[in-house]
């Protein structure tokens, strides 16, 4: 049984998911976002990026982590 990630592993996984997502969104929507002030721009980015990260990327990263641990012989160590 593979244990859930520790807080440091989870923080790294979140960073790996969030940084590229925000980068792509900023590149794709940069012109449109540039016309907004900081609060609406942040709201739009969060509204789009949170579902992408939580429902799209984090499950993939959890599966990748489980696969890596299963194939390295280390089951759930942090």
C-alpha atoms as a PDB file:
ATOM      1  CA  UNK A   1       0.000   0.000   0.000  1.00  0.00           C
ATOM      2  CA  UNK A   2       1.379   3.367  -0.999  1.00  0.00           C
ATOM      3  CA  UNK A   3       0.860   6.046   1.632  1.00  0.00           C
ATOM      4  CA  UNK A   4      -0.380   9.528   0.747  1.00  0.00           C
ATOM      5  CA  UNK A   5       2.305  12.094   0.016  1.00  0.00           C
ATOM      6  CA  UNK A   6       3.864  13.958   2.891  1.00  0.00           C
ATOM      7  CA  UNK A   7       3.418  17.711   3.112  1.00  0.00           C
ATOM      8  CA  UNK A   8       6.681  18.438   1.281  1.00  0.00           C
ATOM      9  CA  UNK A   9       5.886  16.013  -1.540  1.00  0.00           C
ATOM     10  CA  UNK A  10       2.364  17.427  -1.800  1.00  0.00           C
ATOM     11  CA  UNK A  11       3.707  20.983  -1.901  1.00  0.00           C
ATOM     12  CA  UNK A  12       6.066  20.003  -4.731  1.00  0.00           C
ATOM     13  CA  UNK A  13       3.267  18.252  -6.630  1.00  0.00           C
ATOM     14  CA  UNK A  14       1.036  21.318  -6.300  1.00  0.00           C
ATOM     15  CA  UNK A  15       3.837  23.590  -7.495  1.00  0.00           C
ATOM     16  CA  UNK A  16       4.493  21.287 -10.465  1.00  0.00           C
ATOM     17  CA  UNK A  17       0.793  21.536 -11.376  1.00  0.00           C
ATOM     18  CA  UNK A  18       0.169  25.226 -10.639  1.00  0.00           C
ATOM     19  CA  UNK A  19       3.208  26.916 -12.175  1.00  0.00           C
ATOM     20  CA  UNK A  20       2.816  25.574 -15.734  1.00  0.00           C
ATOM     21  CA  UNK A  21      -0.961  26.039 -15.591  1.00  0.00           C
ATOM     22  CA  UNK A  22      -0.655  29.700 -14.643  1.00  0.00           C
ATOM     23  CA  UNK A  23       2.112  30.224 -17.191  1.00  0.00           C
ATOM     24  CA  UNK A  24       0.024  28.781 -20.033  1.00  0.00           C
ATOM     25  CA  UNK A  25      -3.051  30.746 -18.965  1.00  0.00           C
ATOM     26  CA  UNK A  26      -1.075  33.975 -18.765  1.00  0.00           C
ATOM     27  CA  UNK A  27       0.379  33.375 -22.221  1.00  0.00           C
ATOM     28  CA  UNK A  28      -2.977  32.410 -23.711  1.00  0.00           C
ATOM     29  CA  UNK A  29      -5.055  35.124 -22.039  1.00  0.00           C
ATOM     30  CA  UNK A  30      -2.387  37.764 -21.471  1.00  0.00           C
ATOM     31  CA  UNK A  31      -3.842  40.354 -23.824  1.00  0.00           C
ATOM     32  CA  UNK A  32      -7.309  40.064 -22.355  1.00  0.00           C
ATOM     33  CA  UNK A  33      -6.072  39.879 -18.751  1.00  0.00           C
ATOM     34  CA  UNK A  34      -3.854  42.935 -19.209  1.00  0.00           C
ATOM     35  CA  UNK A  35      -6.917  45.144 -19.433  1.00  0.00           C
ATOM     36  CA  UNK A  36      -8.102  44.070 -15.948  1.00  0.00           C
ATOM     37  CA  UNK A  37      -7.008  45.277 -12.549  1.00  0.00           C
ATOM     38  CA  UNK A  38      -5.274  42.850 -10.185  1.00  0.00           C
ATOM     39  CA  UNK A  39      -8.315  41.504  -8.309  1.00  0.00           C
ATOM     40  CA  UNK A  40     -10.472  40.570 -11.327  1.00  0.00           C
ATOM     41  CA  UNK A  41      -7.400  39.192 -13.137  1.00  0.00           C
ATOM     42  CA  UNK A  42      -6.566  37.007 -10.134  1.00  0.00           C
ATOM     43  CA  UNK A  43     -10.200  35.876  -9.866  1.00  0.00           C
ATOM     44  CA  UNK A  44     -10.281  34.844 -13.529  1.00  0.00           C
ATOM     45  CA  UNK A  45      -6.964  32.984 -13.272  1.00  0.00           C
ATOM     46  CA  UNK A  46      -8.022  31.194 -10.075  1.00  0.00           C
ATOM     47  CA  UNK A  47     -11.439  30.293 -11.504  1.00  0.00           C
ATOM     48  CA  UNK A  48      -9.841  28.677 -14.544  1.00  0.00           C
ATOM     49  CA  UNK A  49      -6.703  27.199 -12.992  1.00  0.00           C
ATOM     50  CA  UNK A  50      -8.089  25.588  -9.806  1.00  0.00           C
ATOM     51  CA  UNK A  51     -10.336  23.068 -11.616  1.00  0.00           C
ATOM     52  CA  UNK A  52      -7.554  22.299 -14.111  1.00  0.00           C
ATOM     53  CA  UNK A  53      -5.117  21.605 -11.283  1.00  0.00           C
ATOM     54  CA  UNK A  54      -7.486  19.744  -8.933  1.00  0.00           C
ATOM     55  CA  UNK A  55      -9.419  17.641 -11.448  1.00  0.00           C
ATOM     56  CA  UNK A  56      -6.931  17.361 -14.284  1.00  0.00           C
ATOM     57  CA  UNK A  57      -3.339  17.536 -13.119  1.00  0.00           C
ATOM     58  CA  UNK A  58      -3.264  16.422  -9.475  1.00  0.00           C
ATOM     59  CA  UNK A  59      -4.842  13.005 -10.152  1.00  0.00           C
ATOM     60  CA  UNK A  60      -2.230  12.439 -12.867  1.00  0.00           C
ATOM     61  CA  UNK A  61       0.573  13.469 -10.510  1.00  0.00           C
ATOM     62  CA  UNK A  62      -0.756  11.160  -7.778  1.00  0.00           C
ATOM     63  CA  UNK A  63      -0.813   8.274 -10.258  1.00  0.00           C
ATOM     64  CA  UNK A  64       2.699   9.114 -11.437  1.00  0.00           C
ATOM     65  CA  UNK A  65       3.937   9.265  -7.835  1.00  0.00           C
ATOM     66  CA  UNK A  66       2.327   5.901  -7.044  1.00  0.00           C
ATOM     67  CA  UNK A  67       3.865   4.355 -10.159  1.00  0.00           C
ATOM     68  CA  UNK A  68       7.299   5.759  -9.330  1.00  0.00           C
ATOM     69  CA  UNK A  69       7.119   4.495  -5.765  1.00  0.00           C
ATOM     70  CA  UNK A  70       5.889   1.067  -6.861  1.00  0.00           C
ATOM     71  CA  UNK A  71       8.738   0.748  -9.352  1.00  0.00           C
ATOM     72  CA  UNK A  72      11.425   2.071  -7.061  1.00  0.00           C
ATOM     73  CA  UNK A  73      10.598  -0.289  -4.191  1.00  0.00           C
ATOM     74  CA  UNK A  74       9.909   2.609  -1.822  1.00  0.00           C
ATOM     75  CA  UNK A  75       6.293   2.380  -0.690  1.00  0.00           C
ATOM     76  CA  UNK A  76       5.100   5.635   0.781  1.00  0.00           C
ATOM     77  CA  UNK A  77       8.268   6.921   2.344  1.00  0.00           C
ATOM     78  CA  UNK A  78       8.723  10.684   2.349  1.00  0.00           C
END
